[in-house]
Structures are given as structure tokens and as C-alpha cells.
Amino acid sequence: MRLIVDGMNVIGSRPDGWWRDRRGAMEALVGRLAALAQVEGQPVTVVFDGRPFELESGDDVDVVFASRRGRDAADDDIVALVEGAGEAAELRVVSSDEDLAERVRALGAEVVGAGAFRRRLDALPDRD
């Protein structure tokens, strides 16, 4: 099962001041995703909105920035990833965006809510 994570949706699922340090929030999420990948052995792709920058992700997490700017840019790229995956039933998309969830479910992917997923990440040990 491959995870495709709507990065800003997961970050925004908790009002913890992430907007004051968007880059730091993105780095922290990638670190937690790497811990998940190590513990559970699942491949992870995270898709972020915004201008690309270098994010330390190691081999455990594939970091992708939306291919364009604007409304639903990351969502459209996530849908394209699901469409191009071949076997959508082996994909789990993490997002609480109802429109995105509907689009990827129609393609056969499973959807997990951002809040529940964030709690799962919080319960993981830190990455070594």
C-alpha cells in the first residue's frame, strides 16, 4: 500500500501556528512521514502546494511540489498520481478535502482523513 499525502491538508488539520513557519511545518511533516515509512515499510509520497525548495527526505519519502500554482494545484497532481499508478486500489490518499477524496475514490483509491492520520503520526517514535 502506497500513501499519497496531501501535505498542506495534513499540516492544516491542526491550528498549531504552522502558518508562522510554513517551511518548518513542511519539514516536520516530512520527518514524521519518514518515521512512518521506516516503522511500517510503506512507500510515501507527499504533495505540497507552493514554491519548491529543498527538503531533506532521505530515501523514505518522495516529496513533490504542485506542478502549477493556484486553486486545487496539489489536488490535481494527486489525482494524476492516482491515475498514473496503474492499480489505484493499492493507494491510500491522505486528505480531508472532500472534493479530492471524491475524485480519488472514483478512481479506486482509499482515503484517510488528515486529522486521524496526523494522530497516527504523532504516536510514532522519532526518526533516527
C-alpha atoms as a PDB file:
ATOM      1  CA  MET A   1       0.000   0.000   0.000  1.00  0.00           C
ATOM      2  CA  ARG A   2       1.471   3.355  -1.054  1.00  0.00           C
ATOM      3  CA  LEU A   3       0.499   6.518   0.787  1.00  0.00           C
ATOM      4  CA  ILE A   4      -0.076   9.735  -1.114  1.00  0.00           C
ATOM      5  CA  VAL A   5      -0.328  12.615   1.342  1.00  0.00           C
ATOM      6  CA  ASP A   6      -1.985  15.979   0.737  1.00  0.00           C
ATOM      7  CA  GLY A   7       0.750  17.762   2.667  1.00  0.00           C
ATOM      8  CA  MET A   8      -0.832  21.141   3.347  1.00  0.00           C
ATOM      9  CA  ASN A   9      -4.136  19.500   4.247  1.00  0.00           C
ATOM     10  CA  VAL A  10      -2.428  17.390   6.921  1.00  0.00           C
ATOM     11  CA  ILE A  11      -0.427  20.362   8.200  1.00  0.00           C
ATOM     12  CA  GLY A  12      -3.566  22.492   8.319  1.00  0.00           C
ATOM     13  CA  SER A  13      -5.519  19.853  10.228  1.00  0.00           C
ATOM     14  CA  ARG A  14      -4.206  21.263  13.494  1.00  0.00           C
ATOM     15  CA  PRO A  15      -4.148  25.005  14.295  1.00  0.00           C
ATOM     16  CA  ASP A  16      -0.737  24.878  15.984  1.00  0.00           C
ATOM     17  CA  GLY A  17       0.695  28.057  14.461  1.00  0.00           C
ATOM     18  CA  TRP A  18       2.121  26.312  11.398  1.00  0.00           C
ATOM     19  CA  TRP A  19       1.337  29.401   9.276  1.00  0.00           C
ATOM     20  CA  ARG A  20       4.067  31.342  11.105  1.00  0.00           C
ATOM     21  CA  ASP A  21       6.664  28.881   9.807  1.00  0.00           C
ATOM     22  CA  ARG A  22       5.235  27.133   6.782  1.00  0.00           C
ATOM     23  CA  ARG A  23       8.613  25.761   5.721  1.00  0.00           C
ATOM     24  CA  GLY A  24       9.303  24.407   9.205  1.00  0.00           C
ATOM     25  CA  ALA A  25       5.881  22.741   9.271  1.00  0.00           C
ATOM     26  CA  MET A  26       6.611  21.105   5.927  1.00  0.00           C
ATOM     27  CA  GLU A  27       9.999  19.876   7.155  1.00  0.00           C
ATOM     28  CA  ALA A  28       8.431  18.486  10.330  1.00  0.00           C
ATOM     29  CA  LEU A  29       5.761  16.636   8.353  1.00  0.00           C
ATOM     30  CA  VAL A  30       8.354  15.078   6.057  1.00  0.00           C
ATOM     31  CA  GLY A  31      10.281  13.928   9.146  1.00  0.00           C
ATOM     32  CA  ARG A  32       7.175  12.288  10.605  1.00  0.00           C
ATOM     33  CA  LEU A  33       6.383  10.667   7.253  1.00  0.00           C
ATOM     34  CA  ALA A  34       9.921   9.264   7.130  1.00  0.00           C
ATOM     35  CA  ALA A  35       9.410   7.784  10.611  1.00  0.00           C
ATOM     36  CA  LEU A  36       6.173   6.188   9.399  1.00  0.00           C
ATOM     37  CA  ALA A  37       7.875   4.784   6.304  1.00  0.00           C
ATOM     38  CA  GLN A  38      10.621   3.258   8.454  1.00  0.00           C
ATOM     39  CA  VAL A  39       8.265   1.742  11.013  1.00  0.00           C
ATOM     40  CA  GLU A  40       5.610   0.450   8.629  1.00  0.00           C
ATOM     41  CA  GLY A  41       7.655  -0.097   5.492  1.00  0.00           C
ATOM     42  CA  GLN A  42       5.146   1.775   3.334  1.00  0.00           C
ATOM     43  CA  PRO A  43       6.298   3.957   0.476  1.00  0.00           C
ATOM     44  CA  VAL A  44       5.127   7.565   0.940  1.00  0.00           C
ATOM     45  CA  THR A  45       4.667  10.454  -1.469  1.00  0.00           C
ATOM     46  CA  VAL A  46       3.769  13.868  -0.085  1.00  0.00           C
ATOM     47  CA  VAL A  47       2.476  16.615  -2.363  1.00  0.00           C
ATOM     48  CA  PHE A  48       2.806  20.251  -1.257  1.00  0.00           C
ATOM     49  CA  ASP A  49       1.442  23.483  -2.657  1.00  0.00           C
ATOM     50  CA  GLY A  50       3.779  26.423  -3.057  1.00  0.00           C
ATOM     51  CA  ARG A  51       7.162  27.274  -4.446  1.00  0.00           C
ATOM     52  CA  PRO A  52       9.535  24.284  -4.417  1.00  0.00           C
ATOM     53  CA  PHE A  53      12.547  24.225  -2.113  1.00  0.00           C
ATOM     54  CA  GLU A  54      14.973  21.557  -0.999  1.00  0.00           C
ATOM     55  CA  LEU A  55      13.503  19.306   1.686  1.00  0.00           C
ATOM     56  CA  GLU A  56      15.592  16.625   3.396  1.00  0.00           C
ATOM     57  CA  SER A  57      13.576  13.463   2.875  1.00  0.00           C
ATOM     58  CA  GLY A  58      16.105  10.676   2.510  1.00  0.00           C
ATOM     59  CA  ASP A  59      15.048   7.565   0.634  1.00  0.00           C
ATOM     60  CA  ASP A  60      11.859   7.052   2.612  1.00  0.00           C
ATOM     61  CA  VAL A  61       9.649   9.873   1.353  1.00  0.00           C
ATOM     62  CA  ASP A  62       9.121  11.192  -2.147  1.00  0.00           C
ATOM     63  CA  VAL A  63       8.490  14.955  -1.885  1.00  0.00           C
ATOM     64  CA  VAL A  64       6.589  16.576  -4.756  1.00  0.00           C
ATOM     65  CA  PHE A  65       5.558  20.193  -5.175  1.00  0.00           C
ATOM     66  CA  ALA A  66       2.457  21.042  -7.184  1.00  0.00           C
ATOM     67  CA  SER A  67       3.258  21.430 -10.867  1.00  0.00           C
ATOM     68  CA  ARG A  68       1.465  24.753 -11.031  1.00  0.00           C
ATOM     69  CA  ARG A  69       0.174  27.499  -8.775  1.00  0.00           C
ATOM     70  CA  GLY A  70      -3.425  28.174  -7.974  1.00  0.00           C
ATOM     71  CA  ARG A  71      -6.567  26.562  -6.704  1.00  0.00           C
ATOM     72  CA  ASP A  72      -6.514  22.758  -6.463  1.00  0.00           C
ATOM     73  CA  ALA A  73      -2.997  22.556  -7.910  1.00  0.00           C
ATOM     74  CA  ALA A  74      -1.786  19.891  -5.466  1.00  0.00           C
ATOM     75  CA  ASP A  75      -5.162  18.133  -5.638  1.00  0.00           C
ATOM     76  CA  ASP A  76      -4.916  17.858  -9.415  1.00  0.00           C
ATOM     77  CA  ASP A  77      -1.396  16.440  -9.126  1.00  0.00           C
ATOM     78  CA  ILE A  78      -2.561  13.896  -6.532  1.00  0.00           C
ATOM     79  CA  VAL A  79      -5.354  12.792  -8.866  1.00  0.00           C
ATOM     80  CA  ALA A  80      -2.796  12.473 -11.680  1.00  0.00           C
ATOM     81  CA  LEU A  81      -0.586  10.310  -9.424  1.00  0.00           C
ATOM     82  CA  VAL A  82      -3.535   8.039  -8.688  1.00  0.00           C
ATOM     83  CA  GLU A  83      -4.490   7.864 -12.375  1.00  0.00           C
ATOM     84  CA  GLY A  84      -0.922   7.017 -13.364  1.00  0.00           C
ATOM     85  CA  ALA A  85      -0.368   4.410 -10.667  1.00  0.00           C
ATOM     86  CA  GLY A  86      -1.976   1.554 -12.535  1.00  0.00           C
ATOM     87  CA  GLU A  87      -3.522  -0.157  -9.507  1.00  0.00           C
ATOM     88  CA  ALA A  88      -5.382   2.548  -7.568  1.00  0.00           C
ATOM     89  CA  ALA A  89      -6.709   0.002  -5.082  1.00  0.00           C
ATOM     90  CA  GLU A  90      -3.171  -0.200  -3.684  1.00  0.00           C
ATOM     91  CA  LEU A  91      -3.126   3.519  -2.920  1.00  0.00           C
ATOM     92  CA  ARG A  92      -4.215   5.301   0.228  1.00  0.00           C
ATOM     93  CA  VAL A  93      -4.679   9.062  -0.173  1.00  0.00           C
ATOM     94  CA  VAL A  94      -4.490  11.152   2.998  1.00  0.00           C
ATOM     95  CA  SER A  95      -6.693  14.237   2.876  1.00  0.00           C
ATOM     96  CA  SER A  96      -9.810  15.718   4.438  1.00  0.00           C
ATOM     97  CA  ASP A  97     -10.606  17.648   1.273  1.00  0.00           C
ATOM     98  CA  GLU A  98     -13.978  16.213   0.256  1.00  0.00           C
ATOM     99  CA  ASP A  99     -13.640  17.111  -3.433  1.00  0.00           C
ATOM    100  CA  LEU A 100     -10.239  15.443  -3.648  1.00  0.00           C
ATOM    101  CA  ALA A 101     -11.489  12.428  -1.697  1.00  0.00           C
ATOM    102  CA  GLU A 102     -14.411  12.004  -4.097  1.00  0.00           C
ATOM    103  CA  ARG A 103     -12.126  12.247  -7.128  1.00  0.00           C
ATOM    104  CA  VAL A 104      -9.619   9.623  -5.949  1.00  0.00           C
ATOM    105  CA  ARG A 105     -12.287   7.270  -4.573  1.00  0.00           C
ATOM    106  CA  ALA A 106     -13.868   7.306  -8.042  1.00  0.00           C
ATOM    107  CA  LEU A 107     -10.526   6.027  -9.346  1.00  0.00           C
ATOM    108  CA  GLY A 108     -10.420   3.228  -6.763  1.00  0.00           C
ATOM    109  CA  ALA A 109      -8.096   4.650  -4.103  1.00  0.00           C
ATOM    110  CA  GLU A 110      -8.796   4.504  -0.386  1.00  0.00           C
ATOM    111  CA  VAL A 111      -8.996   7.799   1.531  1.00  0.00           C
ATOM    112  CA  VAL A 112      -7.878   8.503   5.100  1.00  0.00           C
ATOM    113  CA  GLY A 113      -8.786  11.726   6.904  1.00  0.00           C
ATOM    114  CA  ALA A 114      -5.992  14.156   7.715  1.00  0.00           C
ATOM    115  CA  GLY A 115      -6.796  14.501  11.421  1.00  0.00           C
ATOM    116  CA  ALA A 116      -6.775  10.764  12.123  1.00  0.00           C
ATOM    117  CA  PHE A 117      -3.600  10.378  10.083  1.00  0.00           C
ATOM    118  CA  ARG A 118      -1.915  13.210  11.977  1.00  0.00           C
ATOM    119  CA  ARG A 119      -2.716  11.495  15.299  1.00  0.00           C
ATOM    120  CA  ARG A 120      -1.166   8.307  13.890  1.00  0.00           C
ATOM    121  CA  LEU A 121       2.000  10.230  13.012  1.00  0.00           C
ATOM    122  CA  ASP A 122       2.119  11.814  16.465  1.00  0.00           C
ATOM    123  CA  ALA A 123       2.166   8.351  18.064  1.00  0.00           C
ATOM    124  CA  LEU A 124       5.276   7.260  16.156  1.00  0.00           C
ATOM    125  CA  PRO A 125       8.770   7.258  17.665  1.00  0.00           C
ATOM    126  CA  ASP A 126      11.157   9.902  16.348  1.00  0.00           C
ATOM    127  CA  ARG A 127      13.250   9.032  13.311  1.00  0.00           C
ATOM    128  CA  ASP A 128      16.882   8.130  13.971  1.00  0.00           C
END
